[in-house]
Amino acid sequence: MIEQATKEQLAGTECILALRASQYARHHGELPLPELQKRLTATQLDAKQLALLRDGTEALVGVLATVSEIGGERDYPMQ
């Protein structure tokens, strides 16, 4: 999906995810950048980290699919 997206669709996705991240930070507090980087490069994940990664990936796919649909018809199934 990312490879097929236009620059405009990726920019729209980035904006929506940035808003969601700021909304999360307001409700739950910010996760320090070094902690995020550590989680992204981890080779082993516990259940909580795995759930966070899964939720983040689902959010990315959902937002990208929505933005792609707004920009035109999608040629892949939306999960």
N, C-alpha and C. Protein backbone atom coordinates (compact mmCIF):
# COMPACT_ATOMS: atom_id res chain seq x y z
N MET A 1 0.82 -1.18 0.00
CA MET A 1 0.00 0.00 0.00
C MET A 1 0.87 1.25 0.00
N ILE A 2 1.92 1.25 0.78
CA ILE A 2 2.79 2.42 0.85
C ILE A 2 3.48 2.65 -0.49
N GLU A 3 3.94 1.59 -1.12
CA GLU A 3 4.60 1.73 -2.42
C GLU A 3 3.66 2.26 -3.49
N GLN A 4 2.37 1.95 -3.38
CA GLN A 4 1.39 2.39 -4.39
C GLN A 4 0.83 3.79 -4.10
N ALA A 5 1.04 4.29 -2.89
CA ALA A 5 0.46 5.58 -2.50
C ALA A 5 1.21 6.73 -3.15
N THR A 6 0.46 7.79 -3.42
CA THR A 6 1.07 9.01 -3.93
C THR A 6 1.70 9.79 -2.77
N LYS A 7 2.50 10.78 -3.09
CA LYS A 7 3.09 11.63 -2.06
C LYS A 7 2.00 12.34 -1.27
N GLU A 8 0.96 12.75 -1.94
CA GLU A 8 -0.14 13.44 -1.27
C GLU A 8 -0.87 12.51 -0.30
N GLN A 9 -1.06 11.26 -0.70
CA GLN A 9 -1.72 10.29 0.18
C GLN A 9 -0.85 9.99 1.40
N LEU A 10 0.46 9.86 1.20
CA LEU A 10 1.35 9.64 2.33
C LEU A 10 1.38 10.85 3.26
N ALA A 11 1.36 12.04 2.69
CA ALA A 11 1.34 13.25 3.51
C ALA A 11 0.05 13.32 4.33
N GLY A 12 -1.07 12.97 3.72
CA GLY A 12 -2.34 12.95 4.44
C GLY A 12 -2.34 11.93 5.56
N THR A 13 -1.76 10.78 5.29
CA THR A 13 -1.64 9.73 6.30
C THR A 13 -0.78 10.21 7.45
N GLU A 14 0.32 10.85 7.13
CA GLU A 14 1.23 11.36 8.15
C GLU A 14 0.53 12.39 9.05
N CYS A 15 -0.25 13.26 8.46
CA CYS A 15 -0.97 14.27 9.24
C CYS A 15 -1.98 13.64 10.19
N ILE A 16 -2.75 12.69 9.70
CA ILE A 16 -3.75 12.04 10.54
C ILE A 16 -3.09 11.27 11.67
N LEU A 17 -2.02 10.55 11.37
CA LEU A 17 -1.34 9.79 12.42
C LEU A 17 -0.67 10.71 13.44
N ALA A 18 -0.17 11.86 12.99
CA ALA A 18 0.41 12.83 13.92
C ALA A 18 -0.66 13.36 14.87
N LEU A 19 -1.85 13.61 14.33
CA LEU A 19 -2.94 14.06 15.20
C LEU A 19 -3.34 12.98 16.20
N ARG A 20 -3.37 11.74 15.75
CA ARG A 20 -3.71 10.65 16.66
C ARG A 20 -2.65 10.49 17.74
N ALA A 21 -1.39 10.66 17.36
CA ALA A 21 -0.30 10.56 18.34
C ALA A 21 -0.39 11.68 19.37
N SER A 22 -0.71 12.88 18.92
CA SER A 22 -0.83 13.99 19.87
C SER A 22 -2.05 13.80 20.78
N GLN A 23 -3.12 13.25 20.23
CA GLN A 23 -4.29 12.96 21.05
C GLN A 23 -3.96 11.91 22.11
N TYR A 24 -3.21 10.89 21.72
CA TYR A 24 -2.78 9.86 22.68
C TYR A 24 -1.93 10.50 23.78
N ALA A 25 -0.99 11.34 23.38
CA ALA A 25 -0.09 11.97 24.35
C ALA A 25 -0.87 12.83 25.35
N ARG A 26 -1.90 13.52 24.90
CA ARG A 26 -2.72 14.33 25.81
C ARG A 26 -3.44 13.47 26.84
N HIS A 27 -3.89 12.30 26.42
CA HIS A 27 -4.66 11.44 27.32
C HIS A 27 -3.78 10.57 28.21
N HIS A 28 -2.65 10.11 27.69
CA HIS A 28 -1.85 9.11 28.40
C HIS A 28 -0.43 9.58 28.72
N GLY A 29 -0.06 10.74 28.27
CA GLY A 29 1.31 11.22 28.46
C GLY A 29 2.20 10.80 27.30
N GLU A 30 3.23 11.57 27.08
CA GLU A 30 4.12 11.27 25.97
C GLU A 30 5.07 10.14 26.29
N LEU A 31 5.36 9.36 25.28
CA LEU A 31 6.36 8.31 25.39
C LEU A 31 7.66 8.93 24.87
N PRO A 32 8.70 8.97 25.70
CA PRO A 32 9.95 9.61 25.27
C PRO A 32 10.48 9.00 23.98
N LEU A 33 11.06 9.84 23.12
CA LEU A 33 11.56 9.40 21.82
C LEU A 33 12.55 8.23 21.94
N PRO A 34 13.52 8.26 22.88
CA PRO A 34 14.42 7.10 22.97
C PRO A 34 13.67 5.79 23.23
N GLU A 35 12.60 5.85 24.01
CA GLU A 35 11.81 4.64 24.28
C GLU A 35 11.12 4.15 23.01
N LEU A 36 10.60 5.07 22.21
CA LEU A 36 9.98 4.69 20.94
C LEU A 36 11.00 4.06 20.00
N GLN A 37 12.17 4.66 19.90
CA GLN A 37 13.22 4.12 19.04
C GLN A 37 13.63 2.72 19.49
N LYS A 38 13.72 2.54 20.80
CA LYS A 38 14.08 1.23 21.34
C LYS A 38 13.03 0.19 20.96
N ARG A 39 11.76 0.57 21.04
CA ARG A 39 10.69 -0.37 20.70
C ARG A 39 10.70 -0.71 19.21
N LEU A 40 11.03 0.26 18.36
CA LEU A 40 11.02 0.02 16.92
C LEU A 40 12.17 -0.88 16.48
N THR A 41 13.25 -0.89 17.23
CA THR A 41 14.40 -1.70 16.83
C THR A 41 14.54 -2.98 17.65
N ALA A 42 13.59 -3.25 18.53
CA ALA A 42 13.66 -4.44 19.38
C ALA A 42 13.56 -5.71 18.53
N THR A 43 14.30 -6.73 18.91
CA THR A 43 14.22 -8.01 18.22
C THR A 43 13.31 -8.98 18.97
N GLN A 44 13.03 -8.69 20.23
CA GLN A 44 12.10 -9.49 21.02
C GLN A 44 11.10 -8.55 21.67
N LEU A 45 9.84 -8.93 21.64
CA LEU A 45 8.78 -8.10 22.20
C LEU A 45 7.99 -8.86 23.24
N ASP A 46 7.60 -8.16 24.29
CA ASP A 46 6.69 -8.78 25.24
C ASP A 46 5.26 -8.56 24.73
N ALA A 47 4.28 -9.09 25.42
CA ALA A 47 2.89 -9.02 24.96
C ALA A 47 2.41 -7.57 24.83
N LYS A 48 2.78 -6.72 25.77
CA LYS A 48 2.35 -5.31 25.73
C LYS A 48 2.97 -4.59 24.53
N GLN A 49 4.25 -4.81 24.29
CA GLN A 49 4.93 -4.19 23.16
C GLN A 49 4.36 -4.70 21.84
N LEU A 50 4.08 -5.99 21.78
CA LEU A 50 3.50 -6.57 20.57
C LEU A 50 2.12 -5.99 20.28
N ALA A 51 1.32 -5.82 21.32
CA ALA A 51 -0.01 -5.22 21.15
C ALA A 51 0.10 -3.78 20.65
N LEU A 52 1.06 -3.03 21.18
CA LEU A 52 1.26 -1.64 20.74
C LEU A 52 1.69 -1.60 19.27
N LEU A 53 2.60 -2.49 18.89
CA LEU A 53 3.05 -2.55 17.50
C LEU A 53 1.90 -2.94 16.58
N ARG A 54 1.10 -3.92 16.99
CA ARG A 54 -0.05 -4.34 16.20
C ARG A 54 -1.04 -3.19 16.03
N ASP A 55 -1.35 -2.50 17.12
CA ASP A 55 -2.30 -1.39 17.06
C ASP A 55 -1.77 -0.27 16.16
N GLY A 56 -0.48 0.01 16.26
CA GLY A 56 0.11 1.04 15.41
C GLY A 56 0.07 0.68 13.94
N THR A 57 0.35 -0.59 13.66
CA THR A 57 0.31 -1.05 12.27
C THR A 57 -1.11 -1.01 11.72
N GLU A 58 -2.07 -1.42 12.53
CA GLU A 58 -3.47 -1.36 12.10
C GLU A 58 -3.90 0.09 11.85
N ALA A 59 -3.45 1.00 12.70
CA ALA A 59 -3.78 2.42 12.51
C ALA A 59 -3.18 2.93 11.20
N LEU A 60 -1.92 2.58 10.94
CA LEU A 60 -1.27 3.01 9.69
C LEU A 60 -2.03 2.50 8.47
N VAL A 61 -2.34 1.21 8.46
CA VAL A 61 -3.05 0.62 7.32
C VAL A 61 -4.44 1.24 7.16
N GLY A 62 -5.15 1.40 8.27
CA GLY A 62 -6.48 1.98 8.20
C GLY A 62 -6.49 3.40 7.68
N VAL A 63 -5.57 4.21 8.18
CA VAL A 63 -5.51 5.61 7.73
C VAL A 63 -5.07 5.68 6.28
N LEU A 64 -4.07 4.90 5.90
CA LEU A 64 -3.60 4.91 4.51
C LEU A 64 -4.71 4.46 3.57
N ALA A 65 -5.47 3.45 3.95
CA ALA A 65 -6.57 2.98 3.11
C ALA A 65 -7.63 4.07 2.98
N THR A 66 -7.93 4.76 4.07
CA THR A 66 -8.92 5.83 4.02
C THR A 66 -8.46 6.97 3.14
N VAL A 67 -7.22 7.38 3.31
CA VAL A 67 -6.68 8.48 2.51
C VAL A 67 -6.61 8.07 1.04
N SER A 68 -6.21 6.82 0.77
CA SER A 68 -6.15 6.34 -0.61
C SER A 68 -7.53 6.31 -1.24
N GLU A 69 -8.53 5.92 -0.46
CA GLU A 69 -9.90 5.86 -0.97
C GLU A 69 -10.41 7.25 -1.30
N ILE A 70 -10.07 8.23 -0.47
CA ILE A 70 -10.49 9.61 -0.72
C ILE A 70 -9.88 10.12 -2.01
N GLY A 71 -8.62 9.72 -2.28
CA GLY A 71 -7.93 10.18 -3.47
C GLY A 71 -8.33 9.43 -4.73
N GLY A 72 -9.09 8.41 -4.63
CA GLY A 72 -9.48 7.61 -5.79
C GLY A 72 -9.80 6.20 -5.36
N GLU A 73 -10.16 5.37 -6.31
CA GLU A 73 -10.50 3.98 -5.98
C GLU A 73 -9.27 3.22 -5.56
N ARG A 74 -9.43 2.33 -4.59
CA ARG A 74 -8.32 1.48 -4.17
C ARG A 74 -8.40 0.17 -4.94
N ASP A 75 -7.26 -0.43 -5.19
CA ASP A 75 -7.25 -1.69 -5.92
C ASP A 75 -6.77 -2.84 -5.03
N TYR A 76 -7.03 -2.71 -3.71
CA TYR A 76 -6.66 -3.73 -2.76
C TYR A 76 -7.75 -3.77 -1.70
N PRO A 77 -7.94 -4.92 -1.06
CA PRO A 77 -9.00 -5.01 -0.04
C PRO A 77 -8.63 -4.26 1.23
N MET A 78 -9.63 -3.63 1.84
CA MET A 78 -9.41 -2.96 3.12
C MET A 78 -9.80 -3.93 4.22
N GLN A 79 -8.89 -4.22 5.13
CA GLN A 79 -9.13 -5.17 6.22
C GLN A 79 -9.76 -4.47 7.39
